[in-house]
């Protein structure tokens, strides 16, 4: 069965796009694929929550230390924590592999947690 090929879907050499083989893509076995998705889901939820908490604590204490009022520091930090949670979920499913997803979420969470630990007694 031949596919209908529109003239605009032809490559410069005249070859139809439907006739071109797709680039090589590695296909995981079904069980391994499901574990990879489960790992990304856990990274999005659990590590994303850790990133969100570390963002709220670290940025909140940093803003309180830099001269902002406590109310402003908490509000800004809470709003940024929601953004961090959403970005963590997007990052977890947008990465090439699950290891990169975990590292891309856990490293910033650890850095922000260290920032919160450094400023833990500084709130006014």
PDB file of N, CA and C in Angstrom:
ATOM      1  N   UNK A   1       0.847  -1.178   0.000  1.00  0.00           N
ATOM      2  CA  UNK A   1       0.000   0.000   0.000  1.00  0.00           C
ATOM      3  C   UNK A   1       0.892   1.241   0.000  1.00  0.00           C
ATOM      4  N   UNK A   2       0.638   2.148  -0.879  1.00  0.00           N
ATOM      5  CA  UNK A   2       1.438   3.362  -0.961  1.00  0.00           C
ATOM      6  C   UNK A   2       0.743   4.476  -0.203  1.00  0.00           C
ATOM      7  N   UNK A   3       1.551   5.301   0.375  1.00  0.00           N
ATOM      8  CA  UNK A   3       1.012   6.435   1.126  1.00  0.00           C
ATOM      9  C   UNK A   3       0.900   7.641   0.217  1.00  0.00           C
ATOM     10  N   UNK A   4      -0.085   8.458   0.476  1.00  0.00           N
ATOM     11  CA  UNK A   4      -0.270   9.684  -0.274  1.00  0.00           C
ATOM     12  C   UNK A   4       0.794  10.673   0.179  1.00  0.00           C
ATOM     13  N   UNK A   5       1.566  11.179  -0.762  1.00  0.00           N
ATOM     14  CA  UNK A   5       2.643  12.104  -0.444  1.00  0.00           C
ATOM     15  C   UNK A   5       2.320  13.440  -1.100  1.00  0.00           C
ATOM     16  N   UNK A   6       2.229  14.461  -0.288  1.00  0.00           N
ATOM     17  CA  UNK A   6       1.954  15.794  -0.813  1.00  0.00           C
ATOM     18  C   UNK A   6       3.229  16.389  -1.384  1.00  0.00           C
ATOM     19  N   UNK A   7       3.130  17.236  -2.389  1.00  0.00           N
ATOM     20  CA  UNK A   7       4.335  17.816  -2.996  1.00  0.00           C
ATOM     21  C   UNK A   7       5.174  18.606  -2.001  1.00  0.00           C
ATOM     22  N   UNK A   8       4.549  19.213  -1.017  1.00  0.00           N
ATOM     23  CA  UNK A   8       5.309  20.002  -0.055  1.00  0.00           C
ATOM     24  C   UNK A   8       6.096  19.131   0.913  1.00  0.00           C
ATOM     25  N   UNK A   9       5.805  17.821   0.954  1.00  0.00           N
ATOM     26  CA  UNK A   9       6.497  16.924   1.864  1.00  0.00           C
ATOM     27  C   UNK A   9       7.626  16.166   1.179  1.00  0.00           C
ATOM     28  N   UNK A  10       8.204  16.762   0.176  1.00  0.00           N
ATOM     29  CA  UNK A  10       9.322  16.133  -0.515  1.00  0.00           C
ATOM     30  C   UNK A  10      10.620  16.810  -0.094  1.00  0.00           C
ATOM     31  N   UNK A  11      11.654  16.018  -0.036  1.00  0.00           N
ATOM     32  CA  UNK A  11      12.980  16.550   0.279  1.00  0.00           C
ATOM     33  C   UNK A  11      13.540  17.250  -0.955  1.00  0.00           C
ATOM     34  N   UNK A  12      14.573  18.062  -0.808  1.00  0.00           N
ATOM     35  CA  UNK A  12      15.123  18.785  -1.962  1.00  0.00           C
ATOM     36  C   UNK A  12      15.536  17.873  -3.113  1.00  0.00           C
ATOM     37  N   UNK A  13      15.944  16.635  -2.850  1.00  0.00           N
ATOM     38  CA  UNK A  13      16.357  15.734  -3.906  1.00  0.00           C
ATOM     39  C   UNK A  13      15.190  15.073  -4.612  1.00  0.00           C
ATOM     40  N   UNK A  14      13.957  15.376  -4.217  1.00  0.00           N
ATOM     41  CA  UNK A  14      12.786  14.800  -4.826  1.00  0.00           C
ATOM     42  C   UNK A  14      12.284  13.557  -4.116  1.00  0.00           C
ATOM     43  N   UNK A  15      12.995  13.124  -3.082  1.00  0.00           N
ATOM     44  CA  UNK A  15      12.595  11.929  -2.357  1.00  0.00           C
ATOM     45  C   UNK A  15      11.512  12.304  -1.352  1.00  0.00           C
ATOM     46  N   UNK A  16      10.432  11.521  -1.310  1.00  0.00           N
ATOM     47  CA  UNK A  16       9.335  11.809  -0.385  1.00  0.00           C
ATOM     48  C   UNK A  16       9.768  11.516   1.047  1.00  0.00           C
ATOM     49  N   UNK A  17       9.264  12.307   1.987  1.00  0.00           N
ATOM     50  CA  UNK A  17       9.629  12.123   3.382  1.00  0.00           C
ATOM     51  C   UNK A  17       9.167  10.779   3.935  1.00  0.00           C
ATOM     52  N   UNK A  18       8.074  10.244   3.416  1.00  0.00           N
ATOM     53  CA  UNK A  18       7.589   8.965   3.911  1.00  0.00           C
ATOM     54  C   UNK A  18       8.480   7.814   3.461  1.00  0.00           C
ATOM     55  N   UNK A  19       9.303   8.037   2.441  1.00  0.00           N
ATOM     56  CA  UNK A  19      10.197   7.004   1.946  1.00  0.00           C
ATOM     57  C   UNK A  19      11.528   6.978   2.681  1.00  0.00           C
ATOM     58  N   UNK A  20      11.790   7.982   3.499  1.00  0.00           N
ATOM     59  CA  UNK A  20      13.057   8.081   4.213  1.00  0.00           C
ATOM     60  C   UNK A  20      12.928   7.328   5.529  1.00  0.00           C
ATOM     61  N   UNK A  21      13.897   6.502   5.833  1.00  0.00           N
ATOM     62  CA  UNK A  21      13.873   5.741   7.077  1.00  0.00           C
ATOM     63  C   UNK A  21      14.102   6.677   8.252  1.00  0.00           C
ATOM     64  N   UNK A  22      13.392   6.471   9.363  1.00  0.00           N
ATOM     65  CA  UNK A  22      13.605   7.316  10.536  1.00  0.00           C
ATOM     66  C   UNK A  22      14.983   7.059  11.112  1.00  0.00           C
ATOM     67  N   UNK A  23      15.531   8.023  11.854  1.00  0.00           N
ATOM     68  CA  UNK A  23      16.843   7.810  12.460  1.00  0.00           C
ATOM     69  C   UNK A  23      16.785   6.643  13.444  1.00  0.00           C
ATOM     70  N   UNK A  24      17.924   6.014  13.649  1.00  0.00           N
ATOM     71  CA  UNK A  24      17.976   4.854  14.542  1.00  0.00           C
ATOM     72  C   UNK A  24      17.580   5.282  15.954  1.00  0.00           C
ATOM     73  N   UNK A  25      16.668   4.553  16.536  1.00  0.00           N
ATOM     74  CA  UNK A  25      16.191   4.859  17.874  1.00  0.00           C
ATOM     75  C   UNK A  25      16.226   3.578  18.684  1.00  0.00           C
ATOM     76  N   UNK A  26      16.907   3.624  19.821  1.00  0.00           N
ATOM     77  CA  UNK A  26      17.006   2.432  20.656  1.00  0.00           C
ATOM     78  C   UNK A  26      15.657   2.144  21.298  1.00  0.00           C
ATOM     79  N   UNK A  27      15.258   0.902  21.260  1.00  0.00           N
ATOM     80  CA  UNK A  27      13.994   0.485  21.848  1.00  0.00           C
ATOM     81  C   UNK A  27      14.301  -0.402  23.045  1.00  0.00           C
ATOM     82  N   UNK A  28      13.780  -0.028  24.205  1.00  0.00           N
ATOM     83  CA  UNK A  28      14.002  -0.809  25.419  1.00  0.00           C
ATOM     84  C   UNK A  28      12.999  -1.950  25.495  1.00  0.00           C
ATOM     85  N   UNK A  29      13.392  -3.043  26.136  1.00  0.00           N
ATOM     86  CA  UNK A  29      12.401  -4.085  26.407  1.00  0.00           C
ATOM     87  C   UNK A  29      11.300  -3.533  27.304  1.00  0.00           C
ATOM     88  N   UNK A  30      10.115  -4.142  27.249  1.00  0.00           N
ATOM     89  CA  UNK A  30       8.948  -3.596  27.941  1.00  0.00           C
ATOM     90  C   UNK A  30       9.167  -3.447  29.439  1.00  0.00           C
ATOM     91  N   UNK A  31       9.752  -4.440  30.093  1.00  0.00           N
ATOM     92  CA  UNK A  31       9.977  -4.357  31.533  1.00  0.00           C
ATOM     93  C   UNK A  31      10.934  -3.245  31.909  1.00  0.00           C
ATOM     94  N   UNK A  32      12.013  -3.114  31.149  1.00  0.00           N
ATOM     95  CA  UNK A  32      12.987  -2.054  31.423  1.00  0.00           C
ATOM     96  C   UNK A  32      12.383  -0.675  31.152  1.00  0.00           C
ATOM     97  N   UNK A  33      11.564  -0.584  30.124  1.00  0.00           N
ATOM     98  CA  UNK A  33      10.891   0.676  29.803  1.00  0.00           C
ATOM     99  C   UNK A  33       9.979   1.105  30.950  1.00  0.00           C
ATOM    100  N   UNK A  34       9.245   0.137  31.509  1.00  0.00           N
ATOM    101  CA  UNK A  34       8.347   0.474  32.622  1.00  0.00           C
ATOM    102  C   UNK A  34       9.117   0.908  33.859  1.00  0.00           C
ATOM    103  N   UNK A  35      10.255   0.267  34.129  1.00  0.00           N
ATOM    104  CA  UNK A  35      11.067   0.697  35.259  1.00  0.00           C
ATOM    105  C   UNK A  35      11.637   2.098  35.025  1.00  0.00           C
ATOM    106  N   UNK A  36      11.985   2.414  33.796  1.00  0.00           N
ATOM    107  CA  UNK A  36      12.500   3.748  33.486  1.00  0.00           C
ATOM    108  C   UNK A  36      11.421   4.809  33.705  1.00  0.00           C
ATOM    109  N   UNK A  37      10.193   4.501  33.308  1.00  0.00           N
ATOM    110  CA  UNK A  37       9.089   5.444  33.527  1.00  0.00           C
ATOM    111  C   UNK A  37       8.789   5.580  35.016  1.00  0.00           C
ATOM    112  N   UNK A  38       8.825   4.455  35.746  1.00  0.00           N
ATOM    113  CA  UNK A  38       8.591   4.502  37.191  1.00  0.00           C
ATOM    114  C   UNK A  38       9.678   5.321  37.888  1.00  0.00           C
ATOM    115  N   UNK A  39      10.915   5.185  37.430  1.00  0.00           N
ATOM    116  CA  UNK A  39      12.012   5.962  38.006  1.00  0.00           C
ATOM    117  C   UNK A  39      11.829   7.452  37.735  1.00  0.00           C
ATOM    118  N   UNK A  40      11.410   7.790  36.529  1.00  0.00           N
ATOM    119  CA  UNK A  40      11.165   9.206  36.209  1.00  0.00           C
ATOM    120  C   UNK A  40       9.998   9.765  37.015  1.00  0.00           C
ATOM    121  N   UNK A  41       8.972   8.946  37.219  1.00  0.00           N
ATOM    122  CA  UNK A  41       7.837   9.387  38.028  1.00  0.00           C
ATOM    123  C   UNK A  41       8.265   9.632  39.465  1.00  0.00           C
ATOM    124  N   UNK A  42       9.075   8.733  40.005  1.00  0.00           N
ATOM    125  CA  UNK A  42       9.578   8.917  41.365  1.00  0.00           C
ATOM    126  C   UNK A  42      10.477  10.147  41.453  1.00  0.00           C
ATOM    127  N   UNK A  43      11.283  10.378  40.420  1.00  0.00           N
ATOM    128  CA  UNK A  43      12.126  11.581  40.397  1.00  0.00           C
ATOM    129  C   UNK A  43      11.268  12.835  40.351  1.00  0.00           C
ATOM    130  N   UNK A  44      10.208  12.805  39.546  1.00  0.00           N
ATOM    131  CA  UNK A  44       9.350  13.985  39.431  1.00  0.00           C
ATOM    132  C   UNK A  44       8.634  14.273  40.740  1.00  0.00           C
ATOM    133  N   UNK A  45       8.153  13.227  41.417  1.00  0.00           N
ATOM    134  CA  UNK A  45       7.360  13.442  42.628  1.00  0.00           C
ATOM    135  C   UNK A  45       8.249  13.624  43.852  1.00  0.00           C
ATOM    136  N   UNK A  46       9.063  12.627  44.169  1.00  0.00           N
ATOM    137  CA  UNK A  46       9.836  12.660  45.412  1.00  0.00           C
ATOM    138  C   UNK A  46      10.990  13.656  45.347  1.00  0.00           C
ATOM    139  N   UNK A  47      11.820  13.548  44.311  1.00  0.00           N
ATOM    140  CA  UNK A  47      12.936  14.484  44.206  1.00  0.00           C
ATOM    141  C   UNK A  47      12.438  15.894  43.888  1.00  0.00           C
ATOM    142  N   UNK A  48      11.337  15.993  43.157  1.00  0.00           N
ATOM    143  CA  UNK A  48      10.749  17.312  42.911  1.00  0.00           C
ATOM    144  C   UNK A  48      10.250  17.961  44.190  1.00  0.00           C
ATOM    145  N   UNK A  49       9.700  17.140  45.079  1.00  0.00           N
ATOM    146  CA  UNK A  49       9.258  17.671  46.377  1.00  0.00           C
ATOM    147  C   UNK A  49      10.466  18.105  47.213  1.00  0.00           C
ATOM    148  N   UNK A  50      11.539  17.330  47.167  1.00  0.00           N
ATOM    149  CA  UNK A  50      12.757  17.722  47.884  1.00  0.00           C
ATOM    150  C   UNK A  50      13.323  19.021  47.320  1.00  0.00           C
ATOM    151  N   UNK A  51      13.305  19.154  45.994  1.00  0.00           N
ATOM    152  CA  UNK A  51      13.768  20.396  45.366  1.00  0.00           C
ATOM    153  C   UNK A  51      12.883  21.562  45.752  1.00  0.00           C
ATOM    154  N   UNK A  52      11.593  21.335  45.785  1.00  0.00           N
ATOM    155  CA  UNK A  52      10.658  22.390  46.164  1.00  0.00           C
ATOM    156  C   UNK A  52      10.881  22.830  47.611  1.00  0.00           C
ATOM    157  N   UNK A  53      11.061  21.877  48.497  1.00  0.00           N
ATOM    158  CA  UNK A  53      11.301  22.204  49.906  1.00  0.00           C
ATOM    159  C   UNK A  53      12.632  22.926  50.090  1.00  0.00           C
ATOM    160  N   UNK A  54      13.658  22.447  49.411  1.00  0.00           N
ATOM    161  CA  UNK A  54      14.970  23.090  49.510  1.00  0.00           C
ATOM    162  C   UNK A  54      14.937  24.491  48.916  1.00  0.00           C
ATOM    163  N   UNK A  55      14.164  24.673  47.849  1.00  0.00           N
ATOM    164  CA  UNK A  55      14.020  26.006  47.256  1.00  0.00           C
ATOM    165  C   UNK A  55      13.350  26.954  48.234  1.00  0.00           C
ATOM    166  N   UNK A  56      12.275  26.510  48.849  1.00  0.00           N
ATOM    167  CA  UNK A  56      11.564  27.365  49.804  1.00  0.00           C
ATOM    168  C   UNK A  56      12.455  27.725  50.981  1.00  0.00           C
ATOM    169  N   UNK A  57      13.169  26.743  51.505  1.00  0.00           N
ATOM    170  CA  UNK A  57      14.027  27.007  52.666  1.00  0.00           C
ATOM    171  C   UNK A  57      15.234  27.857  52.293  1.00  0.00           C
ATOM    172  N   UNK A  58      15.939  27.456  51.242  1.00  0.00           N
ATOM    173  CA  UNK A  58      17.164  28.160  50.873  1.00  0.00           C
ATOM    174  C   UNK A  58      16.922  29.581  50.406  1.00  0.00           C
ATOM    175  N   UNK A  59      15.986  29.762  49.499  1.00  0.00           N
ATOM    176  CA  UNK A  59      15.711  31.102  48.977  1.00  0.00           C
ATOM    177  C   UNK A  59      15.061  31.970  50.063  1.00  0.00           C
ATOM    178  N   UNK A  60      14.190  31.376  50.864  1.00  0.00           N
ATOM    179  CA  UNK A  60      13.557  32.138  51.941  1.00  0.00           C
ATOM    180  C   UNK A  60      14.571  32.672  52.938  1.00  0.00           C
ATOM    181  N   UNK A  61      15.503  31.821  53.359  1.00  0.00           N
ATOM    182  CA  UNK A  61      16.528  32.277  54.301  1.00  0.00           C
ATOM    183  C   UNK A  61      17.493  33.256  53.655  1.00  0.00           C
ATOM    184  N   UNK A  62      17.803  33.042  52.382  1.00  0.00           N
ATOM    185  CA  UNK A  62      18.682  33.982  51.681  1.00  0.00           C
ATOM    186  C   UNK A  62      18.038  35.358  51.562  1.00  0.00           C
ATOM    187  N   UNK A  63      16.753  35.394  51.219  1.00  0.00           N
ATOM    188  CA  UNK A  63      16.058  36.685  51.118  1.00  0.00           C
ATOM    189  C   UNK A  63      15.913  37.344  52.478  1.00  0.00           C
ATOM    190  N   UNK A  64      15.639  36.569  53.516  1.00  0.00           N
ATOM    191  CA  UNK A  64      15.531  37.141  54.859  1.00  0.00           C
ATOM    192  C   UNK A  64      16.882  37.709  55.305  1.00  0.00           C
ATOM    193  N   UNK A  65      17.955  37.038  54.928  1.00  0.00           N
ATOM    194  CA  UNK A  65      19.291  37.496  55.289  1.00  0.00           C
ATOM    195  C   UNK A  65      19.691  38.737  54.503  1.00  0.00           C
ATOM    196  N   UNK A  66      19.163  38.884  53.292  1.00  0.00           N
ATOM    197  CA  UNK A  66      19.573  40.008  52.449  1.00  0.00           C
ATOM    198  C   UNK A  66      18.812  41.297  52.739  1.00  0.00           C
ATOM    199  N   UNK A  67      17.914  41.272  53.710  1.00  0.00           N
ATOM    200  CA  UNK A  67      17.253  42.505  54.102  1.00  0.00           C
ATOM    201  C   UNK A  67      15.776  42.576  53.788  1.00  0.00           C
ATOM    202  N   UNK A  68      15.218  41.574  53.152  1.00  0.00           N
ATOM    203  CA  UNK A  68      13.781  41.569  52.896  1.00  0.00           C
ATOM    204  C   UNK A  68      13.038  41.300  54.197  1.00  0.00           C
ATOM    205  N   UNK A  69      11.793  41.737  54.253  1.00  0.00           N
ATOM    206  CA  UNK A  69      10.985  41.405  55.422  1.00  0.00           C
ATOM    207  C   UNK A  69      10.688  39.912  55.412  1.00  0.00           C
ATOM    208  N   UNK A  70      10.380  39.365  56.553  1.00  0.00           N
ATOM    209  CA  UNK A  70      10.130  37.929  56.654  1.00  0.00           C
ATOM    210  C   UNK A  70       8.941  37.507  55.802  1.00  0.00           C
ATOM    211  N   UNK A  71       7.905  38.355  55.771  1.00  0.00           N
ATOM    212  CA  UNK A  71       6.715  38.026  54.985  1.00  0.00           C
ATOM    213  C   UNK A  71       7.046  37.979  53.500  1.00  0.00           C
ATOM    214  N   UNK A  72       7.773  38.968  53.012  1.00  0.00           N
ATOM    215  CA  UNK A  72       8.154  38.977  51.600  1.00  0.00           C
ATOM    216  C   UNK A  72       9.055  37.799  51.254  1.00  0.00           C
ATOM    217  N   UNK A  73       9.978  37.488  52.147  1.00  0.00           N
ATOM    218  CA  UNK A  73      10.883  36.364  51.897  1.00  0.00           C
ATOM    219  C   UNK A  73      10.114  35.053  51.792  1.00  0.00           C
ATOM    220  N   UNK A  74       9.162  34.840  52.684  1.00  0.00           N
ATOM    221  CA  UNK A  74       8.381  33.599  52.657  1.00  0.00           C
ATOM    222  C   UNK A  74       7.498  33.539  51.415  1.00  0.00           C
ATOM    223  N   UNK A  75       6.874  34.647  51.048  1.00  0.00           N
ATOM    224  CA  UNK A  75       6.010  34.654  49.863  1.00  0.00           C
ATOM    225  C   UNK A  75       6.803  34.381  48.589  1.00  0.00           C
ATOM    226  N   UNK A  76       7.927  35.060  48.415  1.00  0.00           N
ATOM    227  CA  UNK A  76       8.734  34.847  47.218  1.00  0.00           C
ATOM    228  C   UNK A  76       9.281  33.429  47.172  1.00  0.00           C
ATOM    229  N   UNK A  77       9.745  32.940  48.304  1.00  0.00           N
ATOM    230  CA  UNK A  77      10.304  31.592  48.337  1.00  0.00           C
ATOM    231  C   UNK A  77       9.227  30.547  48.041  1.00  0.00           C
ATOM    232  N   UNK A  78       8.032  30.758  48.546  1.00  0.00           N
ATOM    233  CA  UNK A  78       6.944  29.802  48.286  1.00  0.00           C
ATOM    234  C   UNK A  78       6.541  29.804  46.817  1.00  0.00           C
ATOM    235  N   UNK A  79       6.477  30.971  46.225  1.00  0.00           N
ATOM    236  CA  UNK A  79       6.142  31.040  44.801  1.00  0.00           C
ATOM    237  C   UNK A  79       7.221  30.383  43.944  1.00  0.00           C
ATOM    238  N   UNK A  80       8.476  30.598  44.285  1.00  0.00           N
ATOM    239  CA  UNK A  80       9.560  29.966  43.536  1.00  0.00           C
ATOM    240  C   UNK A  80       9.584  28.459  43.752  1.00  0.00           C
ATOM    241  N   UNK A  81       9.125  28.000  44.924  1.00  0.00           N
ATOM    242  CA  UNK A  81       9.067  26.560  45.187  1.00  0.00           C
ATOM    243  C   UNK A  81       8.045  25.885  44.277  1.00  0.00           C
ATOM    244  N   UNK A  82       6.916  26.534  44.024  1.00  0.00           N
ATOM    245  CA  UNK A  82       5.928  25.977  43.094  1.00  0.00           C
ATOM    246  C   UNK A  82       6.502  25.895  41.682  1.00  0.00           C
ATOM    247  N   UNK A  83       7.241  26.899  41.277  1.00  0.00           N
ATOM    248  CA  UNK A  83       7.873  26.891  39.958  1.00  0.00           C
ATOM    249  C   UNK A  83       8.918  25.771  39.888  1.00  0.00           C
ATOM    250  N   UNK A  84       9.682  25.597  40.959  1.00  0.00           N
ATOM    251  CA  UNK A  84      10.698  24.541  40.990  1.00  0.00           C
ATOM    252  C   UNK A  84      10.059  23.158  40.879  1.00  0.00           C
ATOM    253  N   UNK A  85       8.929  22.962  41.542  1.00  0.00           N
ATOM    254  CA  UNK A  85       8.235  21.671  41.461  1.00  0.00           C
ATOM    255  C   UNK A  85       7.764  21.396  40.036  1.00  0.00           C
ATOM    256  N   UNK A  86       7.208  22.392  39.387  1.00  0.00           N
ATOM    257  CA  UNK A  86       6.748  22.214  38.006  1.00  0.00           C
ATOM    258  C   UNK A  86       7.916  21.958  37.059  1.00  0.00           C
ATOM    259  N   UNK A  87       9.008  22.686  37.232  1.00  0.00           N
ATOM    260  CA  UNK A  87      10.174  22.477  36.384  1.00  0.00           C
ATOM    261  C   UNK A  87      10.805  21.107  36.613  1.00  0.00           C
ATOM    262  N   UNK A  88      10.757  20.625  37.847  1.00  0.00           N
ATOM    263  CA  UNK A  88      11.293  19.286  38.134  1.00  0.00           C
ATOM    264  C   UNK A  88      10.484  18.221  37.413  1.00  0.00           C
ATOM    265  N   UNK A  89       9.174  18.368  37.390  1.00  0.00           N
ATOM    266  CA  UNK A  89       8.333  17.401  36.685  1.00  0.00           C
ATOM    267  C   UNK A  89       8.600  17.445  35.178  1.00  0.00           C
ATOM    268  N   UNK A  90       8.745  18.639  34.628  1.00  0.00           N
ATOM    269  CA  UNK A  90       9.058  18.761  33.208  1.00  0.00           C
ATOM    270  C   UNK A  90      10.437  18.181  32.899  1.00  0.00           C
ATOM    271  N   UNK A  91      11.387  18.441  33.767  1.00  0.00           N
ATOM    272  CA  UNK A  91      12.748  17.960  33.568  1.00  0.00           C
ATOM    273  C   UNK A  91      12.808  16.435  33.625  1.00  0.00           C
ATOM    274  N   UNK A  92      12.075  15.852  34.566  1.00  0.00           N
ATOM    275  CA  UNK A  92      12.134  14.400  34.757  1.00  0.00           C
ATOM    276  C   UNK A  92      11.687  13.650  33.508  1.00  0.00           C
ATOM    277  N   UNK A  93      10.697  14.148  32.813  1.00  0.00           N
ATOM    278  CA  UNK A  93      10.208  13.447  31.628  1.00  0.00           C
ATOM    279  C   UNK A  93      10.784  13.994  30.332  1.00  0.00           C
ATOM    280  N   UNK A  94      11.554  15.052  30.410  1.00  0.00           N
ATOM    281  CA  UNK A  94      12.148  15.613  29.205  1.00  0.00           C
ATOM    282  C   UNK A  94      13.583  15.184  28.967  1.00  0.00           C
ATOM    283  N   UNK A  95      14.201  14.518  29.932  1.00  0.00           N
ATOM    284  CA  UNK A  95      15.598  14.104  29.801  1.00  0.00           C
ATOM    285  C   UNK A  95      15.733  12.869  28.933  1.00  0.00           C
ATOM    286  N   UNK A  96      16.940  12.659  28.455  1.00  0.00           N
ATOM    287  CA  UNK A  96      17.231  11.516  27.605  1.00  0.00           C
ATOM    288  C   UNK A  96      17.129  10.213  28.392  1.00  0.00           C
ATOM    289  N   UNK A  97      17.655  10.205  29.608  1.00  0.00           N
ATOM    290  CA  UNK A  97      17.592   8.990  30.423  1.00  0.00           C
ATOM    291  C   UNK A  97      17.251   9.347  31.873  1.00  0.00           C
ATOM    292  N   UNK A  98      16.924   8.338  32.653  1.00  0.00           N
ATOM    293  CA  UNK A  98      16.482   8.563  34.026  1.00  0.00           C
ATOM    294  C   UNK A  98      17.619   9.053  34.914  1.00  0.00           C
ATOM    295  N   UNK A  99      18.837   8.616  34.646  1.00  0.00           N
ATOM    296  CA  UNK A  99      19.979   9.068  35.466  1.00  0.00           C
ATOM    297  C   UNK A  99      20.153  10.575  35.362  1.00  0.00           C
ATOM    298  N   UNK A 100      20.039  11.093  34.164  1.00  0.00           N
ATOM    299  CA  UNK A 100      20.171  12.543  33.976  1.00  0.00           C
ATOM    300  C   UNK A 100      19.011  13.287  34.649  1.00  0.00           C
ATOM    301  N   UNK A 101      17.836  12.678  34.643  1.00  0.00           N
ATOM    302  CA  UNK A 101      16.685  13.286  35.314  1.00  0.00           C
ATOM    303  C   UNK A 101      16.932  13.372  36.821  1.00  0.00           C
ATOM    304  N   UNK A 102      17.407  12.267  37.405  1.00  0.00           N
ATOM    305  CA  UNK A 102      17.686  12.267  38.839  1.00  0.00           C
ATOM    306  C   UNK A 102      18.776  13.274  39.197  1.00  0.00           C
ATOM    307  N   UNK A 103      19.858  13.274  38.440  1.00  0.00           N
ATOM    308  CA  UNK A 103      20.953  14.204  38.739  1.00  0.00           C
ATOM    309  C   UNK A 103      20.537  15.656  38.539  1.00  0.00           C
ATOM    310  N   UNK A 104      19.735  15.919  37.526  1.00  0.00           N
ATOM    311  CA  UNK A 104      19.298  17.287  37.259  1.00  0.00           C
ATOM    312  C   UNK A 104      18.343  17.836  38.295  1.00  0.00           C
ATOM    313  N   UNK A 105      17.742  16.961  39.079  1.00  0.00           N
ATOM    314  CA  UNK A 105      16.849  17.410  40.143  1.00  0.00           C
ATOM    315  C   UNK A 105      17.568  17.380  41.501  1.00  0.00           C
ATOM    316  N   UNK A 106      18.347  16.325  41.742  1.00  0.00           N
ATOM    317  CA  UNK A 106      18.977  16.148  43.063  1.00  0.00           C
ATOM    318  C   UNK A 106      20.142  17.105  43.306  1.00  0.00           C
ATOM    319  N   UNK A 107      20.904  17.435  42.275  1.00  0.00           N
ATOM    320  CA  UNK A 107      22.043  18.349  42.479  1.00  0.00           C
ATOM    321  C   UNK A 107      21.566  19.752  42.875  1.00  0.00           C
ATOM    322  N   UNK A 108      20.593  20.363  42.169  1.00  0.00           N
ATOM    323  CA  UNK A 108      20.104  21.660  42.645  1.00  0.00           C
ATOM    324  C   UNK A 108      19.441  21.573  44.020  1.00  0.00           C
ATOM    325  N   UNK A 109      18.758  20.459  44.317  1.00  0.00           N
ATOM    326  CA  UNK A 109      18.147  20.301  45.636  1.00  0.00           C
ATOM    327  C   UNK A 109      19.219  20.254  46.711  1.00  0.00           C
ATOM    328  N   UNK A 110      20.318  19.558  46.446  1.00  0.00           N
ATOM    329  CA  UNK A 110      21.407  19.490  47.419  1.00  0.00           C
ATOM    330  C   UNK A 110      22.076  20.856  47.609  1.00  0.00           C
ATOM    331  N   UNK A 111      22.257  21.588  46.518  1.00  0.00           N
ATOM    332  CA  UNK A 111      22.863  22.923  46.628  1.00  0.00           C
ATOM    333  C   UNK A 111      21.964  23.887  47.399  1.00  0.00           C
ATOM    334  N   UNK A 112      20.673  23.852  47.118  1.00  0.00           N
ATOM    335  CA  UNK A 112      19.754  24.723  47.849  1.00  0.00           C
ATOM    336  C   UNK A 112      19.600  24.274  49.300  1.00  0.00           C
ATOM    337  N   UNK A 113      19.671  22.974  49.550  1.00  0.00           N
ATOM    338  CA  UNK A 113      19.657  22.488  50.924  1.00  0.00           C
ATOM    339  C   UNK A 113      20.891  22.931  51.686  1.00  0.00           C
ATOM    340  N   UNK A 114      22.050  22.928  51.027  1.00  0.00           N
ATOM    341  CA  UNK A 114      23.272  23.421  51.668  1.00  0.00           C
ATOM    342  C   UNK A 114      23.178  24.915  51.943  1.00  0.00           C
ATOM    343  N   UNK A 115      22.545  25.654  51.039  1.00  0.00           N
ATOM    344  CA  UNK A 115      22.326  27.086  51.255  1.00  0.00           C
ATOM    345  C   UNK A 115      21.431  27.313  52.470  1.00  0.00           C
ATOM    346  N   UNK A 116      20.377  26.524  52.589  1.00  0.00           N
ATOM    347  CA  UNK A 116      19.487  26.643  53.751  1.00  0.00           C
ATOM    348  C   UNK A 116      20.218  26.266  55.032  1.00  0.00           C
ATOM    349  N   UNK A 117      21.062  25.245  54.959  1.00  0.00           N
ATOM    350  CA  UNK A 117      21.827  24.835  56.132  1.00  0.00           C
ATOM    351  C   UNK A 117      22.806  25.916  56.547  1.00  0.00           C
ATOM    352  N   UNK A 118      23.415  26.602  55.557  1.00  0.00           N
ATOM    353  CA  UNK A 118      24.372  27.673  55.868  1.00  0.00           C
ATOM    354  C   UNK A 118      23.701  28.887  56.511  1.00  0.00           C
ATOM    355  N   UNK A 119      22.456  29.172  56.109  1.00  0.00           N
ATOM    356  CA  UNK A 119      21.770  30.352  56.627  1.00  0.00           C
ATOM    357  C   UNK A 119      20.737  30.006  57.692  1.00  0.00           C
ATOM    358  N   UNK A 120      20.808  28.832  58.311  1.00  0.00           N
ATOM    359  CA  UNK A 120      19.741  28.351  59.188  1.00  0.00           C
ATOM    360  C   UNK A 120      19.494  29.211  60.417  1.00  0.00           C
ATOM    361  N   UNK A 121      20.462  29.916  60.924  1.00  0.00           N
ATOM    362  CA  UNK A 121      20.237  30.738  62.105  1.00  0.00           C
ATOM    363  C   UNK A 121      20.163  32.214  61.789  1.00  0.00           C
ATOM    364  N   UNK A 122      20.025  32.567  60.518  1.00  0.00           N
ATOM    365  CA  UNK A 122      20.148  33.955  60.105  1.00  0.00           C
ATOM    366  C   UNK A 122      18.842  34.693  59.963  1.00  0.00           C
ATOM    367  N   UNK A 123      17.698  34.001  60.056  1.00  0.00           N
ATOM    368  CA  UNK A 123      16.410  34.674  59.835  1.00  0.00           C
ATOM    369  C   UNK A 123      16.164  35.686  60.938  1.00  0.00           C
ATOM    370  N   UNK A 124      15.605  36.828  60.564  1.00  0.00           N
ATOM    371  CA  UNK A 124      15.341  37.900  61.532  1.00  0.00           C
ATOM    372  C   UNK A 124      13.908  37.845  62.000  1.00  0.00           C
TER     373      UNK A 124
END
